[in-house]
């Protein structure tokens, strides 16, 4: 079916979009490799960046810290507080069935 979409895009003159989809199709469909019970937890946004939005909000308000230790302490405390609101993963026992990405061979120069 994906091949048909790529072909249809090419047929109507969207060659660049068709090539882009064809090149990244495996990444676009990675979502479906995860167990269906986990789909509610998966996000299209950056999982690492989302929690740091709250940290950034507080550190931007403070502007500067006299000591690096003060900034690190604030970040740590904000993350600790946010951690209490994170949801538990449904069907955590299925994590073992999630396919891991293949390691790419190192390029020899």
Protein backbone atom coordinates (compact mmCIF):
# COMPACT_ATOMS: atom_id res chain seq x y z
CA UNK A 1 0.00 0.00 0.00
CA UNK A 2 2.86 2.39 0.82
CA UNK A 3 4.41 1.69 -2.57
CA UNK A 4 1.11 2.72 -4.18
CA UNK A 5 1.11 6.03 -2.29
CA UNK A 6 4.68 6.70 -3.43
CA UNK A 7 3.72 5.82 -7.02
CA UNK A 8 0.62 8.04 -6.89
CA UNK A 9 2.65 10.99 -5.59
CA UNK A 10 5.11 10.56 -8.45
CA UNK A 11 2.30 10.22 -10.98
CA UNK A 12 0.77 13.59 -10.07
CA UNK A 13 4.11 15.41 -10.15
CA UNK A 14 5.21 15.30 -6.51
CA UNK A 15 8.48 13.52 -7.26
CA UNK A 16 10.41 15.11 -4.42
CA UNK A 17 7.71 14.20 -1.86
CA UNK A 18 7.59 10.65 -3.23
CA UNK A 19 11.37 10.25 -2.87
CA UNK A 20 11.27 11.68 0.65
CA UNK A 21 8.49 9.30 1.69
CA UNK A 22 10.24 6.37 0.07
CA UNK A 23 13.53 7.16 1.85
CA UNK A 24 11.92 7.60 5.27
CA UNK A 25 9.05 5.13 5.05
CA UNK A 26 10.60 2.70 7.52
CA UNK A 27 10.94 5.49 10.11
CA UNK A 28 7.37 6.66 9.49
CA UNK A 29 6.01 3.18 10.17
CA UNK A 30 8.17 2.36 13.22
CA UNK A 31 5.16 3.16 15.43
CA UNK A 32 3.48 -0.08 14.33
CA UNK A 33 6.41 -2.23 15.48
CA UNK A 34 5.52 -1.48 19.08
CA UNK A 35 2.86 -3.52 20.92
CA UNK A 36 -0.62 -2.03 20.51
CA UNK A 37 -0.91 -1.60 24.28
CA UNK A 38 1.97 0.91 24.14
CA UNK A 39 0.52 3.05 21.35
CA UNK A 40 -1.24 5.35 23.84
CA UNK A 41 2.15 6.21 25.36
CA UNK A 42 3.98 6.94 22.14
CA UNK A 43 4.25 10.55 21.13
CA UNK A 44 5.29 12.26 17.96
CA UNK A 45 7.18 14.91 19.94
CA UNK A 46 10.64 14.46 21.36
CA UNK A 47 10.32 12.38 24.54
CA UNK A 48 13.44 13.87 26.06
CA UNK A 49 12.57 17.47 25.23
CA UNK A 50 9.02 17.44 26.67
CA UNK A 51 9.94 17.25 30.39
CA UNK A 52 12.59 19.91 29.95
CA UNK A 53 10.00 22.46 28.81
CA UNK A 54 9.07 22.96 32.49
CA UNK A 55 12.73 23.20 33.46
CA UNK A 56 13.34 25.76 30.72
CA UNK A 57 10.33 27.77 31.91
CA UNK A 58 11.80 28.07 35.40
CA UNK A 59 15.41 28.63 34.39
CA UNK A 60 14.41 31.32 31.87
CA UNK A 61 12.51 33.10 34.63
CA UNK A 62 15.60 33.04 36.85
CA UNK A 63 17.80 34.28 33.94
CA UNK A 64 21.18 33.77 35.61
CA UNK A 65 22.51 31.80 38.50
CA UNK A 66 25.46 32.97 40.53
CA UNK A 67 26.70 29.40 40.81
CA UNK A 68 26.32 26.48 38.41
CA UNK A 69 25.40 24.33 41.39
CA UNK A 70 22.26 26.46 41.95
CA UNK A 71 21.05 25.91 38.38
CA UNK A 72 21.71 22.17 38.50
CA UNK A 73 19.89 21.95 41.84
CA UNK A 74 16.85 23.77 40.43
CA UNK A 75 16.76 21.49 37.37
CA UNK A 76 17.03 18.40 39.56
CA UNK A 77 14.23 19.49 41.87
CA UNK A 78 11.89 20.42 39.00
CA UNK A 79 12.47 17.03 37.34
CA UNK A 80 11.88 15.24 40.66
CA UNK A 81 8.57 17.04 41.08
CA UNK A 82 7.48 16.33 37.49
CA UNK A 83 8.37 12.66 37.84
CA UNK A 84 5.38 12.17 40.15
CA UNK A 85 2.99 13.03 37.30
CA UNK A 86 4.46 10.64 34.74
CA UNK A 87 2.18 7.78 33.80
CA UNK A 88 3.18 4.17 34.27
CA UNK A 89 3.67 2.17 31.10
CA UNK A 90 0.71 -0.10 30.34
CA UNK A 91 1.67 -3.70 29.64
CA UNK A 92 5.30 -3.15 30.65
CA UNK A 93 5.93 -6.87 30.23
CA UNK A 94 5.69 -6.35 26.45
CA UNK A 95 8.81 -4.16 26.41
CA UNK A 96 10.93 -7.26 25.80
CA UNK A 97 9.09 -7.74 22.48
CA UNK A 98 9.94 -4.26 21.16
CA UNK A 99 12.44 -4.60 18.32
CA UNK A 100 15.72 -2.83 18.98
CA UNK A 101 17.36 -0.85 16.18
CA UNK A 102 20.09 -2.64 14.32
CA UNK A 103 23.62 -1.41 14.87
CA UNK A 104 25.20 0.07 11.79
CA UNK A 105 28.67 -1.05 10.84
CA UNK A 106 31.36 1.52 11.50
CA UNK A 107 32.69 3.22 8.41
CA UNK A 108 36.37 2.72 7.73
CA UNK A 109 38.06 5.77 6.22
